[in-house]
Amino acid sequence: MTDHAAETPTPDLNAYAAAAAPLLGLPLDPAWTGAVVAHLRVLHAAAALVGGFPLPDTAEAAPVYTA
């Protein structure tokens, strides 16, 4: 088991927001960039918690349910 959170570099979320918005076809008003980056920071922290949760090598993947 490894600590994935320690291995993941901190991304440049300002650059990510600036690059992702046009790719998604979303106009990003510069006045909202700070708020968008703040939300990305929270999402990055939540993803680090999930990604950094240690699982044994014997853990089974969850089944996939389809309707």
PDB file of N, CA and C in Angstrom:
ATOM      1  N   MET A   1       0.857  -1.187   0.000  1.00  0.00           N
ATOM      2  CA  MET A   1       0.000   0.000   0.000  1.00  0.00           C
ATOM      3  C   MET A   1       0.891   1.235   0.000  1.00  0.00           C
ATOM      4  N   THR A   2       0.489   2.216  -0.776  1.00  0.00           N
ATOM      5  CA  THR A   2       1.256   3.455  -0.842  1.00  0.00           C
ATOM      6  C   THR A   2       0.362   4.629  -0.499  1.00  0.00           C
ATOM      7  N   ASP A   3       0.990   5.726  -0.140  1.00  0.00           N
ATOM      8  CA  ASP A   3       0.267   6.956   0.171  1.00  0.00           C
ATOM      9  C   ASP A   3       0.188   7.781  -1.103  1.00  0.00           C
ATOM     10  N   HIS A   4      -0.922   7.610  -1.854  1.00  0.00           N
ATOM     11  CA  HIS A   4      -1.068   8.298  -3.128  1.00  0.00           C
ATOM     12  C   HIS A   4      -1.151   9.812  -2.963  1.00  0.00           C
ATOM     13  N   ALA A   5      -1.720  10.273  -1.858  1.00  0.00           N
ATOM     14  CA  ALA A   5      -1.843  11.713  -1.635  1.00  0.00           C
ATOM     15  C   ALA A   5      -0.467  12.354  -1.545  1.00  0.00           C
ATOM     16  N   ALA A   6       0.494  11.651  -0.959  1.00  0.00           N
ATOM     17  CA  ALA A   6       1.840  12.199  -0.831  1.00  0.00           C
ATOM     18  C   ALA A   6       2.562  12.211  -2.184  1.00  0.00           C
ATOM     19  N   GLU A   7       2.170  11.303  -3.100  1.00  0.00           N
ATOM     20  CA  GLU A   7       2.811  11.201  -4.399  1.00  0.00           C
ATOM     21  C   GLU A   7       2.256  12.212  -5.405  1.00  0.00           C
ATOM     22  N   THR A   8       1.060  12.709  -5.180  1.00  0.00           N
ATOM     23  CA  THR A   8       0.403  13.585  -6.142  1.00  0.00           C
ATOM     24  C   THR A   8       0.839  15.028  -5.923  1.00  0.00           C
ATOM     25  N   PRO A   9       1.440  15.645  -6.961  1.00  0.00           N
ATOM     26  CA  PRO A   9       1.823  17.048  -6.804  1.00  0.00           C
ATOM     27  C   PRO A   9       0.580  17.943  -6.770  1.00  0.00           C
ATOM     28  N   THR A  10       0.707  19.069  -6.111  1.00  0.00           N
ATOM     29  CA  THR A  10      -0.398  20.026  -6.070  1.00  0.00           C
ATOM     30  C   THR A  10      -0.543  20.670  -7.439  1.00  0.00           C
ATOM     31  N   PRO A  11      -1.717  20.556  -8.043  1.00  0.00           N
ATOM     32  CA  PRO A  11      -1.891  21.114  -9.386  1.00  0.00           C
ATOM     33  C   PRO A  11      -2.041  22.635  -9.346  1.00  0.00           C
ATOM     34  N   ASP A  12      -1.755  23.258 -10.472  1.00  0.00           N
ATOM     35  CA  ASP A  12      -1.980  24.698 -10.635  1.00  0.00           C
ATOM     36  C   ASP A  12      -3.446  24.864 -11.034  1.00  0.00           C
ATOM     37  N   LEU A  13      -4.299  25.079 -10.048  1.00  0.00           N
ATOM     38  CA  LEU A  13      -5.732  25.116 -10.293  1.00  0.00           C
ATOM     39  C   LEU A  13      -6.170  26.348 -11.076  1.00  0.00           C
ATOM     40  N   ASN A  14      -5.418  27.448 -10.972  1.00  0.00           N
ATOM     41  CA  ASN A  14      -5.720  28.615 -11.801  1.00  0.00           C
ATOM     42  C   ASN A  14      -5.528  28.272 -13.267  1.00  0.00           C
ATOM     43  N   ALA A  15      -4.426  27.615 -13.581  1.00  0.00           N
ATOM     44  CA  ALA A  15      -4.156  27.221 -14.965  1.00  0.00           C
ATOM     45  C   ALA A  15      -5.177  26.191 -15.434  1.00  0.00           C
ATOM     46  N   TYR A  16      -5.547  25.267 -14.538  1.00  0.00           N
ATOM     47  CA  TYR A  16      -6.535  24.250 -14.903  1.00  0.00           C
ATOM     48  C   TYR A  16      -7.874  24.902 -15.251  1.00  0.00           C
ATOM     49  N   ALA A  17      -8.337  25.821 -14.408  1.00  0.00           N
ATOM     50  CA  ALA A  17      -9.613  26.497 -14.665  1.00  0.00           C
ATOM     51  C   ALA A  17      -9.559  27.265 -15.982  1.00  0.00           C
ATOM     52  N   ALA A  18      -8.452  27.951 -16.221  1.00  0.00           N
ATOM     53  CA  ALA A  18      -8.318  28.729 -17.457  1.00  0.00           C
ATOM     54  C   ALA A  18      -8.304  27.830 -18.687  1.00  0.00           C
ATOM     55  N   ALA A  19      -7.703  26.644 -18.573  1.00  0.00           N
ATOM     56  CA  ALA A  19      -7.619  25.733 -19.708  1.00  0.00           C
ATOM     57  C   ALA A  19      -8.896  24.912 -19.886  1.00  0.00           C
ATOM     58  N   ALA A  20      -9.519  24.501 -18.787  1.00  0.00           N
ATOM     59  CA  ALA A  20     -10.679  23.613 -18.870  1.00  0.00           C
ATOM     60  C   ALA A  20     -11.947  24.332 -19.314  1.00  0.00           C
ATOM     61  N   ALA A  21     -12.131  25.562 -18.896  1.00  0.00           N
ATOM     62  CA  ALA A  21     -13.368  26.278 -19.229  1.00  0.00           C
ATOM     63  C   ALA A  21     -13.618  26.339 -20.733  1.00  0.00           C
ATOM     64  N   PRO A  22     -12.658  26.780 -21.542  1.00  0.00           N
ATOM     65  CA  PRO A  22     -12.937  26.813 -22.976  1.00  0.00           C
ATOM     66  C   PRO A  22     -13.101  25.415 -23.586  1.00  0.00           C
ATOM     67  N   LEU A  23     -12.394  24.432 -23.057  1.00  0.00           N
ATOM     68  CA  LEU A  23     -12.552  23.064 -23.572  1.00  0.00           C
ATOM     69  C   LEU A  23     -13.952  22.532 -23.319  1.00  0.00           C
ATOM     70  N   LEU A  24     -14.559  22.974 -22.216  1.00  0.00           N
ATOM     71  CA  LEU A  24     -15.916  22.562 -21.878  1.00  0.00           C
ATOM     72  C   LEU A  24     -16.967  23.486 -22.489  1.00  0.00           C
ATOM     73  N   GLY A  25     -16.522  24.533 -23.161  1.00  0.00           N
ATOM     74  CA  GLY A  25     -17.454  25.488 -23.759  1.00  0.00           C
ATOM     75  C   GLY A  25     -18.115  26.384 -22.727  1.00  0.00           C
ATOM     76  N   LEU A  26     -17.433  26.610 -21.608  1.00  0.00           N
ATOM     77  CA  LEU A  26     -17.989  27.438 -20.540  1.00  0.00           C
ATOM     78  C   LEU A  26     -17.290  28.790 -20.502  1.00  0.00           C
ATOM     79  N   PRO A  27     -18.050  29.862 -20.645  1.00  0.00           N
ATOM     80  CA  PRO A  27     -17.415  31.170 -20.475  1.00  0.00           C
ATOM     81  C   PRO A  27     -17.090  31.381 -18.997  1.00  0.00           C
ATOM     82  N   LEU A  28     -15.871  31.810 -18.709  1.00  0.00           N
ATOM     83  CA  LEU A  28     -15.468  32.030 -17.326  1.00  0.00           C
ATOM     84  C   LEU A  28     -15.120  33.497 -17.154  1.00  0.00           C
ATOM     85  N   ASP A  29     -16.030  34.215 -16.510  1.00  0.00           N
ATOM     86  CA  ASP A  29     -15.813  35.629 -16.224  1.00  0.00           C
ATOM     87  C   ASP A  29     -14.645  35.734 -15.243  1.00  0.00           C
ATOM     88  N   PRO A  30     -13.649  36.565 -15.533  1.00  0.00           N
ATOM     89  CA  PRO A  30     -12.507  36.696 -14.633  1.00  0.00           C
ATOM     90  C   PRO A  30     -12.898  37.016 -13.190  1.00  0.00           C
ATOM     91  N   ALA A  31     -14.040  37.664 -12.996  1.00  0.00           N
ATOM     92  CA  ALA A  31     -14.491  37.980 -11.639  1.00  0.00           C
ATOM     93  C   ALA A  31     -14.843  36.709 -10.858  1.00  0.00           C
ATOM     94  N   TRP A  32     -15.141  35.619 -11.551  1.00  0.00           N
ATOM     95  CA  TRP A  32     -15.526  34.376 -10.902  1.00  0.00           C
ATOM     96  C   TRP A  32     -14.368  33.380 -10.789  1.00  0.00           C
ATOM     97  N   THR A  33     -13.234  33.701 -11.350  1.00  0.00           N
ATOM     98  CA  THR A  33     -12.108  32.766 -11.338  1.00  0.00           C
ATOM     99  C   THR A  33     -11.714  32.374  -9.916  1.00  0.00           C
ATOM    100  N   GLY A  34     -11.671  33.312  -9.005  1.00  0.00           N
ATOM    101  CA  GLY A  34     -11.304  33.008  -7.617  1.00  0.00           C
ATOM    102  C   GLY A  34     -12.254  32.017  -6.979  1.00  0.00           C
ATOM    103  N   ALA A  35     -13.551  32.183  -7.201  1.00  0.00           N
ATOM    104  CA  ALA A  35     -14.540  31.265  -6.630  1.00  0.00           C
ATOM    105  C   ALA A  35     -14.435  29.883  -7.264  1.00  0.00           C
ATOM    106  N   VAL A  36     -14.220  29.837  -8.571  1.00  0.00           N
ATOM    107  CA  VAL A  36     -14.078  28.549  -9.259  1.00  0.00           C
ATOM    108  C   VAL A  36     -12.849  27.813  -8.726  1.00  0.00           C
ATOM    109  N   VAL A  37     -11.744  28.518  -8.582  1.00  0.00           N
ATOM    110  CA  VAL A  37     -10.518  27.907  -8.079  1.00  0.00           C
ATOM    111  C   VAL A  37     -10.701  27.449  -6.633  1.00  0.00           C
ATOM    112  N   ALA A  38     -11.430  28.190  -5.834  1.00  0.00           N
ATOM    113  CA  ALA A  38     -11.695  27.782  -4.451  1.00  0.00           C
ATOM    114  C   ALA A  38     -12.475  26.463  -4.426  1.00  0.00           C
ATOM    115  N   HIS A  39     -13.455  26.329  -5.301  1.00  0.00           N
ATOM    116  CA  HIS A  39     -14.221  25.082  -5.375  1.00  0.00           C
ATOM    117  C   HIS A  39     -13.345  23.936  -5.876  1.00  0.00           C
ATOM    118  N   LEU A  40     -12.484  24.202  -6.842  1.00  0.00           N
ATOM    119  CA  LEU A  40     -11.569  23.173  -7.323  1.00  0.00           C
ATOM    120  C   LEU A  40     -10.624  22.723  -6.208  1.00  0.00           C
ATOM    121  N   ARG A  41     -10.206  23.664  -5.351  1.00  0.00           N
ATOM    122  CA  ARG A  41      -9.333  23.334  -4.227  1.00  0.00           C
ATOM    123  C   ARG A  41     -10.040  22.361  -3.263  1.00  0.00           C
ATOM    124  N   VAL A  42     -11.324  22.620  -2.991  1.00  0.00           N
ATOM    125  CA  VAL A  42     -12.102  21.741  -2.116  1.00  0.00           C
ATOM    126  C   VAL A  42     -12.261  20.364  -2.758  1.00  0.00           C
ATOM    127  N   LEU A  43     -12.565  20.330  -4.052  1.00  0.00           N
ATOM    128  CA  LEU A  43     -12.718  19.050  -4.753  1.00  0.00           C
ATOM    129  C   LEU A  43     -11.404  18.275  -4.770  1.00  0.00           C
ATOM    130  N   HIS A  44     -10.295  18.976  -4.961  1.00  0.00           N
ATOM    131  CA  HIS A  44      -8.985  18.324  -4.964  1.00  0.00           C
ATOM    132  C   HIS A  44      -8.694  17.715  -3.595  1.00  0.00           C
ATOM    133  N   ALA A  45      -9.027  18.422  -2.533  1.00  0.00           N
ATOM    134  CA  ALA A  45      -8.808  17.899  -1.182  1.00  0.00           C
ATOM    135  C   ALA A  45      -9.686  16.672  -0.928  1.00  0.00           C
ATOM    136  N   ALA A  46     -10.936  16.707  -1.385  1.00  0.00           N
ATOM    137  CA  ALA A  46     -11.826  15.555  -1.212  1.00  0.00           C
ATOM    138  C   ALA A  46     -11.313  14.357  -2.001  1.00  0.00           C
ATOM    139  N   ALA A  47     -10.849  14.592  -3.217  1.00  0.00           N
ATOM    140  CA  ALA A  47     -10.305  13.502  -4.034  1.00  0.00           C
ATOM    141  C   ALA A  47      -9.051  12.921  -3.392  1.00  0.00           C
ATOM    142  N   ALA A  48      -8.237  13.762  -2.765  1.00  0.00           N
ATOM    143  CA  ALA A  48      -7.030  13.278  -2.096  1.00  0.00           C
ATOM    144  C   ALA A  48      -7.388  12.375  -0.916  1.00  0.00           C
ATOM    145  N   LEU A  49      -8.472  12.705  -0.204  1.00  0.00           N
ATOM    146  CA  LEU A  49      -8.915  11.848   0.898  1.00  0.00           C
ATOM    147  C   LEU A  49      -9.344  10.480   0.377  1.00  0.00           C
ATOM    148  N   VAL A  50     -10.114  10.471  -0.690  1.00  0.00           N
ATOM    149  CA  VAL A  50     -10.591   9.206  -1.254  1.00  0.00           C
ATOM    150  C   VAL A  50      -9.422   8.425  -1.844  1.00  0.00           C
ATOM    151  N   GLY A  51      -8.597   9.092  -2.635  1.00  0.00           N
ATOM    152  CA  GLY A  51      -7.469   8.428  -3.273  1.00  0.00           C
ATOM    153  C   GLY A  51      -6.408   7.976  -2.298  1.00  0.00           C
ATOM    154  N   GLY A  52      -6.311   8.642  -1.172  1.00  0.00           N
ATOM    155  CA  GLY A  52      -5.301   8.302  -0.187  1.00  0.00           C
ATOM    156  C   GLY A  52      -5.750   7.286   0.843  1.00  0.00           C
ATOM    157  N   PHE A  53      -7.008   6.841   0.756  1.00  0.00           N
ATOM    158  CA  PHE A  53      -7.515   5.873   1.723  1.00  0.00           C
ATOM    159  C   PHE A  53      -6.857   4.526   1.471  1.00  0.00           C
ATOM    160  N   PRO A  54      -6.192   3.983   2.471  1.00  0.00           N
ATOM    161  CA  PRO A  54      -5.472   2.730   2.246  1.00  0.00           C
ATOM    162  C   PRO A  54      -6.416   1.535   2.122  1.00  0.00           C
ATOM    163  N   LEU A  55      -6.197   0.755   1.097  1.00  0.00           N
ATOM    164  CA  LEU A  55      -6.940  -0.487   0.908  1.00  0.00           C
ATOM    165  C   LEU A  55      -5.938  -1.632   0.800  1.00  0.00           C
ATOM    166  N   PRO A  56      -6.251  -2.759   1.381  1.00  0.00           N
ATOM    167  CA  PRO A  56      -5.346  -3.894   1.228  1.00  0.00           C
ATOM    168  C   PRO A  56      -5.387  -4.410  -0.211  1.00  0.00           C
ATOM    169  N   ASP A  57      -4.336  -5.098  -0.605  1.00  0.00           N
ATOM    170  CA  ASP A  57      -4.279  -5.648  -1.958  1.00  0.00           C
ATOM    171  C   ASP A  57      -5.361  -6.687  -2.200  1.00  0.00           C
ATOM    172  N   THR A  58      -5.935  -7.223  -1.148  1.00  0.00           N
ATOM    173  CA  THR A  58      -6.969  -8.248  -1.288  1.00  0.00           C
ATOM    174  C   THR A  58      -8.368  -7.658  -1.413  1.00  0.00           C
ATOM    175  N   ALA A  59      -8.514  -6.341  -1.389  1.00  0.00           N
ATOM    176  CA  ALA A  59      -9.824  -5.702  -1.474  1.00  0.00           C
ATOM    177  C   ALA A  59     -10.464  -6.004  -2.828  1.00  0.00           C
ATOM    178  N   GLU A  60     -11.734  -6.323  -2.793  1.00  0.00           N
ATOM    179  CA  GLU A  60     -12.482  -6.614  -4.009  1.00  0.00           C
ATOM    180  C   GLU A  60     -13.101  -5.327  -4.539  1.00  0.00           C
ATOM    181  N   ALA A  61     -13.132  -5.184  -5.839  1.00  0.00           N
ATOM    182  CA  ALA A  61     -13.798  -4.035  -6.453  1.00  0.00           C
ATOM    183  C   ALA A  61     -15.304  -4.155  -6.229  1.00  0.00           C
ATOM    184  N   ALA A  62     -15.967  -3.023  -6.103  1.00  0.00           N
ATOM    185  CA  ALA A  62     -17.409  -3.031  -5.923  1.00  0.00           C
ATOM    186  C   ALA A  62     -18.079  -3.512  -7.214  1.00  0.00           C
ATOM    187  N   PRO A  63     -19.177  -4.253  -7.091  1.00  0.00           N
ATOM    188  CA  PRO A  63     -19.862  -4.683  -8.296  1.00  0.00           C
ATOM    189  C   PRO A  63     -20.502  -3.502  -9.004  1.00  0.00           C
ATOM    190  N   VAL A  64     -20.717  -3.654 -10.270  1.00  0.00           N
ATOM    191  CA  VAL A  64     -21.357  -2.617 -11.063  1.00  0.00           C
ATOM    192  C   VAL A  64     -22.791  -3.045 -11.320  1.00  0.00           C
ATOM    193  N   TYR A  65     -23.729  -2.196 -10.950  1.00  0.00           N
ATOM    194  CA  TYR A  65     -25.137  -2.487 -11.166  1.00  0.00           C
ATOM    195  C   TYR A  65     -25.647  -1.685 -12.351  1.00  0.00           C
ATOM    196  N   THR A  66     -26.391  -2.323 -13.202  1.00  0.00           N
ATOM    197  CA  THR A  66     -26.993  -1.615 -14.331  1.00  0.00           C
ATOM    198  C   THR A  66     -28.498  -1.870 -14.304  1.00  0.00           C
ATOM    199  N   ALA A  67     -29.236  -0.907 -14.796  1.00  0.00           N
ATOM    200  CA  ALA A  67     -30.699  -1.046 -14.810  1.00  0.00           C
ATOM    201  C   ALA A  67     -31.150  -1.555 -16.148  1.00  0.00           C
TER     202      ALA A  67
END
